[in-house]
């Protein structure tokens, strides 16, 4: 029996290495997907609890730190469909790896940020990076 994940006739399940006889995915295939899919919720939870300390550290009102949450969600909403298209052209593994690097870069920039605009840029990079980890293919 062949395990097929077709939704359209134009989508070939064997393109992404899912044509297996036993119907199961190996842990090497599934583990990075689970880790990547949890990045955005973890980031959202961390930033929600850290808005007040961030405001105090940057000497800004707490209301101005809301841009950090908005930047992540807006970048994520815009980048997710684009990541799916890029994954079709260059392969999902490369897009996932690029997304992980963007999250790392955003984390480093956010860690050394001394004002809200730089922290917002870091959050945009994290939003784009976490979008690459979600299933955004058009198939």
Protein backbone atom coordinates (compact mmCIF):
# COMPACT_ATOMS: atom_id res chain seq x y z
CA UNK A 1 0.00 0.00 0.00
CA UNK A 2 1.34 3.45 -0.91
CA UNK A 3 0.73 6.40 1.36
CA UNK A 4 -0.47 9.35 -0.68
CA UNK A 5 -1.10 12.91 0.47
CA UNK A 6 -2.59 14.31 -2.69
CA UNK A 7 -5.01 17.19 -2.65
CA UNK A 8 -4.75 18.12 -6.32
CA UNK A 9 -3.77 15.98 -9.28
CA UNK A 10 -0.85 18.35 -9.95
CA UNK A 11 0.70 17.68 -6.51
CA UNK A 12 2.91 14.63 -6.46
CA UNK A 13 3.43 13.10 -3.01
CA UNK A 14 6.72 11.53 -4.06
CA UNK A 15 8.21 14.99 -4.70
CA UNK A 16 8.77 15.57 -1.00
CA UNK A 17 9.88 12.04 -0.14
CA UNK A 18 6.63 10.81 1.37
CA UNK A 19 6.06 7.80 -0.87
CA UNK A 20 6.58 5.04 1.70
CA UNK A 21 5.15 1.58 1.66
CA UNK A 22 4.30 1.34 5.36
CA UNK A 23 2.54 4.72 5.59
CA UNK A 24 4.76 6.06 8.39
CA UNK A 25 7.19 8.92 8.36
CA UNK A 26 10.62 8.55 9.87
CA UNK A 27 11.56 10.60 12.93
CA UNK A 28 14.26 12.32 10.86
CA UNK A 29 11.56 13.75 8.63
CA UNK A 30 8.99 14.65 11.28
CA UNK A 31 11.20 16.04 14.08
CA UNK A 32 12.36 19.22 12.30
CA UNK A 33 8.78 19.94 11.25
CA UNK A 34 7.53 19.70 14.83
CA UNK A 35 10.35 21.88 16.13
CA UNK A 36 9.84 24.49 13.41
CA UNK A 37 6.08 24.56 13.94
CA UNK A 38 6.52 25.36 17.64
CA UNK A 39 8.82 28.35 17.14
CA UNK A 40 6.09 30.94 16.57
CA UNK A 41 3.90 30.00 19.57
CA UNK A 42 6.96 29.91 21.82
CA UNK A 43 8.05 33.34 20.59
CA UNK A 44 4.57 34.74 21.13
CA UNK A 45 4.39 33.40 24.68
CA UNK A 46 7.82 34.74 25.56
CA UNK A 47 7.20 38.22 24.22
CA UNK A 48 3.77 38.51 25.87
CA UNK A 49 5.26 37.97 29.31
CA UNK A 50 8.28 40.15 28.62
CA UNK A 51 6.62 43.34 27.32
CA UNK A 52 6.75 45.18 30.67
CA UNK A 53 10.42 44.33 31.38
CA UNK A 54 11.30 45.27 27.79
CA UNK A 55 9.56 48.63 28.20
CA UNK A 56 11.48 49.32 31.39
CA UNK A 57 14.81 48.25 29.86
CA UNK A 58 14.30 50.47 26.80
CA UNK A 59 12.83 53.38 28.82
CA UNK A 60 9.63 53.55 26.79
CA UNK A 61 5.95 53.33 27.79
CA UNK A 62 4.51 49.82 27.85
CA UNK A 63 2.05 50.75 25.08
CA UNK A 64 4.90 51.29 22.62
CA UNK A 65 6.07 47.71 23.02
CA UNK A 66 2.87 46.43 21.37
CA UNK A 67 4.62 47.01 18.04
CA UNK A 68 6.82 44.02 18.87
CA UNK A 69 3.83 41.69 18.88
CA UNK A 70 2.26 43.29 15.80
CA UNK A 71 5.51 43.14 13.84
CA UNK A 72 5.84 39.41 14.38
CA UNK A 73 2.27 38.57 13.38
CA UNK A 74 2.22 40.88 10.37
CA UNK A 75 5.54 39.57 9.05
CA UNK A 76 4.40 36.01 9.64
CA UNK A 77 1.09 36.54 7.84
CA UNK A 78 2.82 38.06 4.82
CA UNK A 79 5.74 35.64 4.66
CA UNK A 80 3.91 32.34 5.06
CA UNK A 81 2.37 32.19 1.55
CA UNK A 82 5.62 33.48 0.08
CA UNK A 83 7.55 30.75 1.92
CA UNK A 84 5.30 28.16 0.33
CA UNK A 85 6.02 29.47 -3.15
CA UNK A 86 9.75 29.67 -2.45
CA UNK A 87 9.65 26.10 -1.08
CA UNK A 88 8.12 24.90 -4.34
CA UNK A 89 10.97 26.46 -6.29
CA UNK A 90 13.98 25.74 -4.07
CA UNK A 91 12.79 22.86 -1.90
CA UNK A 92 11.28 22.82 1.57
CA UNK A 93 14.52 21.81 3.29
CA UNK A 94 16.37 24.89 2.07
CA UNK A 95 13.49 27.17 3.05
CA UNK A 96 13.30 25.59 6.50
CA UNK A 97 17.06 26.02 6.99
CA UNK A 98 16.89 29.66 5.84
CA UNK A 99 14.01 30.22 8.25
CA UNK A 100 15.99 28.80 11.15
CA UNK A 101 18.88 31.11 10.27
CA UNK A 102 16.51 34.10 10.17
CA UNK A 103 15.15 33.21 13.61
CA UNK A 104 18.72 32.97 14.92
CA UNK A 105 19.64 36.33 13.38
CA UNK A 106 16.48 37.94 14.74
CA UNK A 107 17.22 36.57 18.19
CA UNK A 108 20.73 37.97 18.15
CA UNK A 109 19.58 41.38 16.92
CA UNK A 110 16.77 41.45 19.46
CA UNK A 111 19.19 40.56 22.23
CA UNK A 112 21.41 43.54 21.54
CA UNK A 113 18.63 46.01 20.64
CA UNK A 114 18.73 49.32 22.50
CA UNK A 115 15.54 50.84 21.07
CA UNK A 116 12.12 49.83 19.80
CA UNK A 117 12.80 50.11 16.02
CA UNK A 118 15.73 47.70 16.20
CA UNK A 119 13.72 45.30 18.35
CA UNK A 120 10.85 45.55 15.84
CA UNK A 121 13.22 44.65 12.99
CA UNK A 122 14.35 41.65 15.02
CA UNK A 123 10.72 40.60 15.51
CA UNK A 124 10.08 40.92 11.76
CA UNK A 125 13.04 38.62 11.06
CA UNK A 126 11.73 36.13 13.61
CA UNK A 127 8.25 36.28 12.03
CA UNK A 128 9.63 35.61 8.57
CA UNK A 129 11.82 32.81 9.89
CA UNK A 130 9.01 31.05 11.74
CA UNK A 131 6.83 31.29 8.63
CA UNK A 132 9.28 29.07 6.81
CA UNK A 133 8.64 26.32 9.34
CA UNK A 134 4.91 26.07 8.72
CA UNK A 135 3.23 24.20 5.94
CA UNK A 136 2.78 26.94 3.39
CA UNK A 137 2.83 24.99 0.16
CA UNK A 138 0.00 25.65 -2.22
CA UNK A 139 -0.64 21.94 -2.94
